[in-house]
Amino acid sequence: MSILKVARLGHPVIRQLAQPLLPEEIHTEEIQTFILDMIDTMREYDGVGLAAPQVHVSKQIAVIEVNHNPRYPDMPQIPLTVLINPFLKEKSEATEEGWEGCLSIPDLRGVVPRHESLVCEALDQNGKPITISTKGFFARVIQHEFDHLQGHVYLDKMPHLTTLTYLNEFSKYWVSET
């Protein structure tokens, strides 16, 4: 497969509302290859999630996986998950703060409040309906990728920018607090 070019903050595709896929699009060779390329790209850059707009395609597709990720070494494993046309059906009222980074905003991290748990409905890579009920880090990553599909980035969700830090300083001064 191919490693795709990651769009960085400032490119207009990052701020666009991504278009839903039609059911007949999902099974095309083009979309199936694109999903595999997204997975390869996410893994190449040690991401835990990647949304299609982050690789210059304004479509409602996101991939998620955590498998001994060096950028998030203490996070629980998450099996490879493909979300097409996701919808956040339920979100807990309770929120929790946590550090986030983004492949489209390289070298920065910040503390973002997210719903502790959620129920996400989507189509999987084969176009079959799935429902994911989750909490913690998996819920955080789903919300992060869902935001990308809505044209938002984690910086938009930060109530203030006082925790925004470069990755080197994060590792040096903040990593023990995560």
C-alpha atoms as a PDB file:
ATOM      1  CA  MET A   1       0.000   0.000   0.000  1.00  0.00           C
ATOM      2  CA  SER A   2       0.989   3.659   0.081  1.00  0.00           C
ATOM      3  CA  ILE A   3       1.902   6.190   2.713  1.00  0.00           C
ATOM      4  CA  LEU A   4      -0.269   9.266   2.178  1.00  0.00           C
ATOM      5  CA  LYS A   5       0.746  12.892   2.669  1.00  0.00           C
ATOM      6  CA  VAL A   6      -0.666  14.302   5.919  1.00  0.00           C
ATOM      7  CA  ALA A   7      -2.443  17.656   5.679  1.00  0.00           C
ATOM      8  CA  ARG A   8      -1.334  20.102   8.335  1.00  0.00           C
ATOM      9  CA  LEU A   9      -3.372  22.704  10.172  1.00  0.00           C
ATOM     10  CA  GLY A  10      -3.896  25.609   7.803  1.00  0.00           C
ATOM     11  CA  HIS A  11      -4.757  23.481   4.787  1.00  0.00           C
ATOM     12  CA  PRO A  12      -8.447  24.152   3.975  1.00  0.00           C
ATOM     13  CA  VAL A  13      -9.369  20.426   3.935  1.00  0.00           C
ATOM     14  CA  ILE A  14      -8.752  20.263   7.702  1.00  0.00           C
ATOM     15  CA  ARG A  15     -11.586  22.752   8.321  1.00  0.00           C
ATOM     16  CA  GLN A  16     -14.152  21.310   5.896  1.00  0.00           C
ATOM     17  CA  LEU A  17     -17.140  19.203   6.857  1.00  0.00           C
ATOM     18  CA  ALA A  18     -16.325  15.802   5.345  1.00  0.00           C
ATOM     19  CA  GLN A  19     -18.865  14.249   3.005  1.00  0.00           C
ATOM     20  CA  PRO A  20     -20.580  10.965   3.897  1.00  0.00           C
ATOM     21  CA  LEU A  21     -19.917   7.933   1.738  1.00  0.00           C
ATOM     22  CA  LEU A  22     -22.748   6.445  -0.234  1.00  0.00           C
ATOM     23  CA  PRO A  23     -23.229   2.707   0.438  1.00  0.00           C
ATOM     24  CA  GLU A  24     -22.202   1.823  -3.108  1.00  0.00           C
ATOM     25  CA  GLU A  25     -18.922   3.766  -2.724  1.00  0.00           C
ATOM     26  CA  ILE A  26     -17.712   1.664   0.205  1.00  0.00           C
ATOM     27  CA  HIS A  27     -17.123  -1.479  -1.845  1.00  0.00           C
ATOM     28  CA  THR A  28     -15.226   0.206  -4.656  1.00  0.00           C
ATOM     29  CA  GLU A  29     -11.588  -0.699  -5.155  1.00  0.00           C
ATOM     30  CA  GLU A  30     -10.713   2.990  -4.815  1.00  0.00           C
ATOM     31  CA  ILE A  31     -12.232   3.334  -1.326  1.00  0.00           C
ATOM     32  CA  GLN A  32     -10.967  -0.043  -0.097  1.00  0.00           C
ATOM     33  CA  THR A  33      -7.424   0.804  -1.239  1.00  0.00           C
ATOM     34  CA  PHE A  34      -7.738   4.252   0.312  1.00  0.00           C
ATOM     35  CA  ILE A  35      -8.730   2.731   3.680  1.00  0.00           C
ATOM     36  CA  LEU A  36      -5.701   0.407   3.561  1.00  0.00           C
ATOM     37  CA  ASP A  37      -3.497   3.387   2.706  1.00  0.00           C
ATOM     38  CA  MET A  38      -4.961   5.303   5.666  1.00  0.00           C
ATOM     39  CA  ILE A  39      -4.119   2.393   7.966  1.00  0.00           C
ATOM     40  CA  ASP A  40      -0.548   2.221   6.617  1.00  0.00           C
ATOM     41  CA  THR A  41      -0.182   6.001   7.018  1.00  0.00           C
ATOM     42  CA  MET A  42      -1.494   5.960  10.596  1.00  0.00           C
ATOM     43  CA  ARG A  43       0.946   3.186  11.498  1.00  0.00           C
ATOM     44  CA  GLU A  44       3.877   4.824   9.684  1.00  0.00           C
ATOM     45  CA  TYR A  45       3.495   8.003  11.754  1.00  0.00           C
ATOM     46  CA  ASP A  46       2.684   6.193  15.017  1.00  0.00           C
ATOM     47  CA  GLY A  47      -0.807   7.665  15.112  1.00  0.00           C
ATOM     48  CA  VAL A  48      -3.628   6.101  17.091  1.00  0.00           C
ATOM     49  CA  GLY A  49      -6.219   7.451  14.697  1.00  0.00           C
ATOM     50  CA  LEU A  50      -6.469   9.106  11.314  1.00  0.00           C
ATOM     51  CA  ALA A  51      -9.393  10.786   9.571  1.00  0.00           C
ATOM     52  CA  ALA A  52      -9.647  11.060   5.788  1.00  0.00           C
ATOM     53  CA  PRO A  53      -9.457  14.883   5.777  1.00  0.00           C
ATOM     54  CA  GLN A  54      -6.023  14.547   7.380  1.00  0.00           C
ATOM     55  CA  VAL A  55      -4.823  12.927   4.153  1.00  0.00           C
ATOM     56  CA  HIS A  56      -6.516  15.436   1.842  1.00  0.00           C
ATOM     57  CA  VAL A  57      -9.775  13.513   1.248  1.00  0.00           C
ATOM     58  CA  SER A  58     -12.966  15.116   2.514  1.00  0.00           C
ATOM     59  CA  LYS A  59     -14.859  11.878   3.198  1.00  0.00           C
ATOM     60  CA  GLN A  60     -16.390  10.501   6.423  1.00  0.00           C
ATOM     61  CA  ILE A  61     -13.781   7.792   7.068  1.00  0.00           C
ATOM     62  CA  ALA A  62     -11.608   7.308  10.152  1.00  0.00           C
ATOM     63  CA  VAL A  63      -9.263   4.540  11.237  1.00  0.00           C
ATOM     64  CA  ILE A  64      -8.201   3.826  14.821  1.00  0.00           C
ATOM     65  CA  GLU A  65      -5.719   1.393  16.347  1.00  0.00           C
ATOM     66  CA  VAL A  66      -3.488   1.224  19.405  1.00  0.00           C
ATOM     67  CA  ASN A  67      -0.987  -1.606  19.449  1.00  0.00           C
ATOM     68  CA  HIS A  68       2.099  -0.804  21.559  1.00  0.00           C
ATOM     69  CA  ASN A  69       2.218   2.722  20.141  1.00  0.00           C
ATOM     70  CA  PRO A  70       5.445   4.590  21.009  1.00  0.00           C
ATOM     71  CA  ARG A  71       3.622   7.956  21.089  1.00  0.00           C
ATOM     72  CA  TYR A  72       1.112   6.587  23.618  1.00  0.00           C
ATOM     73  CA  PRO A  73       3.021   3.802  25.400  1.00  0.00           C
ATOM     74  CA  ASP A  74       0.764   3.581  28.455  1.00  0.00           C
ATOM     75  CA  MET A  75      -2.562   3.517  26.645  1.00  0.00           C
ATOM     76  CA  PRO A  76      -4.652   0.355  26.405  1.00  0.00           C
ATOM     77  CA  GLN A  77      -4.675  -1.558  23.159  1.00  0.00           C
ATOM     78  CA  ILE A  78      -7.486  -0.838  20.717  1.00  0.00           C
ATOM     79  CA  PRO A  79      -8.112  -3.238  17.837  1.00  0.00           C
ATOM     80  CA  LEU A  80      -8.026  -1.887  14.312  1.00  0.00           C
ATOM     81  CA  THR A  81     -11.327  -0.068  13.835  1.00  0.00           C
ATOM     82  CA  VAL A  82     -12.636   1.517  10.637  1.00  0.00           C
ATOM     83  CA  LEU A  83     -15.470   4.020  11.017  1.00  0.00           C
ATOM     84  CA  ILE A  84     -17.432   5.165   7.977  1.00  0.00           C
ATOM     85  CA  ASN A  85     -20.085   7.868   8.405  1.00  0.00           C
ATOM     86  CA  PRO A  86     -19.800   7.752  12.209  1.00  0.00           C
ATOM     87  CA  PHE A  87     -22.451   9.257  14.456  1.00  0.00           C
ATOM     88  CA  LEU A  88     -22.027   9.843  18.189  1.00  0.00           C
ATOM     89  CA  LYS A  89     -25.363   8.565  19.434  1.00  0.00           C
ATOM     90  CA  GLU A  90     -24.794   8.965  23.153  1.00  0.00           C
ATOM     91  CA  LYS A  91     -22.178  10.891  25.130  1.00  0.00           C
ATOM     92  CA  SER A  92     -21.805  10.884  28.886  1.00  0.00           C
ATOM     93  CA  GLU A  93     -22.399  14.112  30.727  1.00  0.00           C
ATOM     94  CA  ALA A  94     -19.225  13.453  32.691  1.00  0.00           C
ATOM     95  CA  THR A  95     -16.033  14.608  31.055  1.00  0.00           C
ATOM     96  CA  GLU A  96     -12.374  14.054  31.755  1.00  0.00           C
ATOM     97  CA  GLU A  97      -9.295  15.965  30.739  1.00  0.00           C
ATOM     98  CA  GLY A  98      -6.465  14.283  28.890  1.00  0.00           C
ATOM     99  CA  TRP A  99      -3.449  15.080  26.750  1.00  0.00           C
ATOM    100  CA  GLU A 100      -3.903  14.959  22.987  1.00  0.00           C
ATOM    101  CA  GLY A 101      -1.692  15.343  19.971  1.00  0.00           C
ATOM    102  CA  CYS A 102      -2.450  15.246  16.267  1.00  0.00           C
ATOM    103  CA  LEU A 103      -0.603  14.227  13.119  1.00  0.00           C
ATOM    104  CA  SER A 104      -1.958  17.385  11.444  1.00  0.00           C
ATOM    105  CA  ILE A 105      -0.568  19.564  14.236  1.00  0.00           C
ATOM    106  CA  PRO A 106       2.885  18.021  14.629  1.00  0.00           C
ATOM    107  CA  ASP A 107       5.088  18.502  17.655  1.00  0.00           C
ATOM    108  CA  LEU A 108       2.347  19.893  19.941  1.00  0.00           C
ATOM    109  CA  ARG A 109       0.219  18.453  22.746  1.00  0.00           C
ATOM    110  CA  GLY A 110      -2.504  19.958  24.900  1.00  0.00           C
ATOM    111  CA  VAL A 111      -5.064  19.037  27.543  1.00  0.00           C
ATOM    112  CA  VAL A 112      -8.560  18.549  26.124  1.00  0.00           C
ATOM    113  CA  PRO A 113     -11.784  17.741  27.986  1.00  0.00           C
ATOM    114  CA  ARG A 114     -13.741  14.881  26.412  1.00  0.00           C
ATOM    115  CA  HIS A 115     -16.838  12.875  27.287  1.00  0.00           C
ATOM    116  CA  GLU A 116     -15.807   9.912  29.446  1.00  0.00           C
ATOM    117  CA  SER A 117     -17.954   7.453  27.505  1.00  0.00           C
ATOM    118  CA  LEU A 118     -19.967   7.310  24.325  1.00  0.00           C
ATOM    119  CA  VAL A 119     -21.887   5.160  21.887  1.00  0.00           C
ATOM    120  CA  CYS A 120     -20.790   5.472  18.267  1.00  0.00           C
ATOM    121  CA  GLU A 121     -22.758   4.101  15.332  1.00  0.00           C
ATOM    122  CA  ALA A 122     -20.997   3.737  11.988  1.00  0.00           C
ATOM    123  CA  LEU A 123     -20.383   1.449   9.077  1.00  0.00           C
ATOM    124  CA  ASP A 124     -17.308  -0.761   9.108  1.00  0.00           C
ATOM    125  CA  GLN A 125     -14.863  -1.285   6.251  1.00  0.00           C
ATOM    126  CA  ASN A 126     -17.309  -3.717   4.626  1.00  0.00           C
ATOM    127  CA  GLY A 127     -20.279  -1.367   4.937  1.00  0.00           C
ATOM    128  CA  LYS A 128     -21.876  -3.305   7.800  1.00  0.00           C
ATOM    129  CA  PRO A 129     -23.474  -1.297  10.644  1.00  0.00           C
ATOM    130  CA  ILE A 130     -21.515  -1.349  13.897  1.00  0.00           C
ATOM    131  CA  THR A 131     -22.169   0.083  17.323  1.00  0.00           C
ATOM    132  CA  ILE A 132     -19.269   0.812  19.649  1.00  0.00           C
ATOM    133  CA  SER A 133     -19.980   1.493  23.302  1.00  0.00           C
ATOM    134  CA  THR A 134     -16.753   2.570  24.952  1.00  0.00           C
ATOM    135  CA  LYS A 135     -15.079   4.757  27.530  1.00  0.00           C
ATOM    136  CA  GLY A 136     -11.677   6.128  28.379  1.00  0.00           C
ATOM    137  CA  PHE A 137      -8.968   6.424  25.750  1.00  0.00           C
ATOM    138  CA  PHE A 138     -10.953   4.694  22.988  1.00  0.00           C
ATOM    139  CA  ALA A 139     -13.808   7.173  23.528  1.00  0.00           C
ATOM    140  CA  ARG A 140     -11.290  10.040  23.424  1.00  0.00           C
ATOM    141  CA  VAL A 141      -9.799   8.874  20.126  1.00  0.00           C
ATOM    142  CA  ILE A 142     -13.242   8.413  18.544  1.00  0.00           C
ATOM    143  CA  GLN A 143     -14.181  11.967  19.565  1.00  0.00           C
ATOM    144  CA  HIS A 144     -10.873  13.323  18.226  1.00  0.00           C
ATOM    145  CA  GLU A 145     -11.343  11.643  14.829  1.00  0.00           C
ATOM    146  CA  PHE A 146     -15.045  12.521  14.694  1.00  0.00           C
ATOM    147  CA  ASP A 147     -14.067  16.169  15.214  1.00  0.00           C
ATOM    148  CA  HIS A 148     -11.784  15.966  12.166  1.00  0.00           C
ATOM    149  CA  LEU A 149     -14.744  14.792  10.098  1.00  0.00           C
ATOM    150  CA  GLN A 150     -16.659  17.867  11.295  1.00  0.00           C
ATOM    151  CA  GLY A 151     -13.816  20.251  10.394  1.00  0.00           C
ATOM    152  CA  HIS A 152     -12.522  20.685  13.962  1.00  0.00           C
ATOM    153  CA  VAL A 153      -9.183  20.028  15.649  1.00  0.00           C
ATOM    154  CA  TYR A 154      -8.334  19.403  19.290  1.00  0.00           C
ATOM    155  CA  LEU A 155      -7.165  23.008  19.717  1.00  0.00           C
ATOM    156  CA  ASP A 156     -10.803  24.080  19.209  1.00  0.00           C
ATOM    157  CA  LYS A 157     -11.840  21.968  22.207  1.00  0.00           C
ATOM    158  CA  MET A 158      -9.212  23.300  24.614  1.00  0.00           C
ATOM    159  CA  PRO A 159     -10.878  25.660  27.117  1.00  0.00           C
ATOM    160  CA  HIS A 160      -7.594  27.589  27.323  1.00  0.00           C
ATOM    161  CA  LEU A 161      -4.177  27.236  25.769  1.00  0.00           C
ATOM    162  CA  THR A 162      -2.119  27.224  28.971  1.00  0.00           C
ATOM    163  CA  THR A 163      -1.282  23.521  28.586  1.00  0.00           C
ATOM    164  CA  LEU A 164      -0.338  23.742  24.907  1.00  0.00           C
ATOM    165  CA  THR A 165       3.240  22.526  24.742  1.00  0.00           C
ATOM    166  CA  TYR A 166       5.795  21.321  22.259  1.00  0.00           C
ATOM    167  CA  LEU A 167       6.368  17.572  22.297  1.00  0.00           C
ATOM    168  CA  ASN A 168       9.950  17.882  23.600  1.00  0.00           C
ATOM    169  CA  GLU A 169       8.797  19.989  26.544  1.00  0.00           C
ATOM    170  CA  PHE A 170       5.834  17.659  27.090  1.00  0.00           C
ATOM    171  CA  SER A 171       8.252  14.729  27.431  1.00  0.00           C
ATOM    172  CA  LYS A 172      10.574  16.703  29.684  1.00  0.00           C
ATOM    173  CA  TYR A 173       8.108  18.447  32.002  1.00  0.00           C
ATOM    174  CA  TRP A 174       4.655  16.876  31.718  1.00  0.00           C
ATOM    175  CA  VAL A 175       4.921  13.187  30.840  1.00  0.00           C
ATOM    176  CA  SER A 176       5.001  12.102  34.497  1.00  0.00           C
ATOM    177  CA  GLU A 177       1.553  13.733  34.979  1.00  0.00           C
ATOM    178  CA  THR A 178      -0.217  11.691  32.282  1.00  0.00           C
END
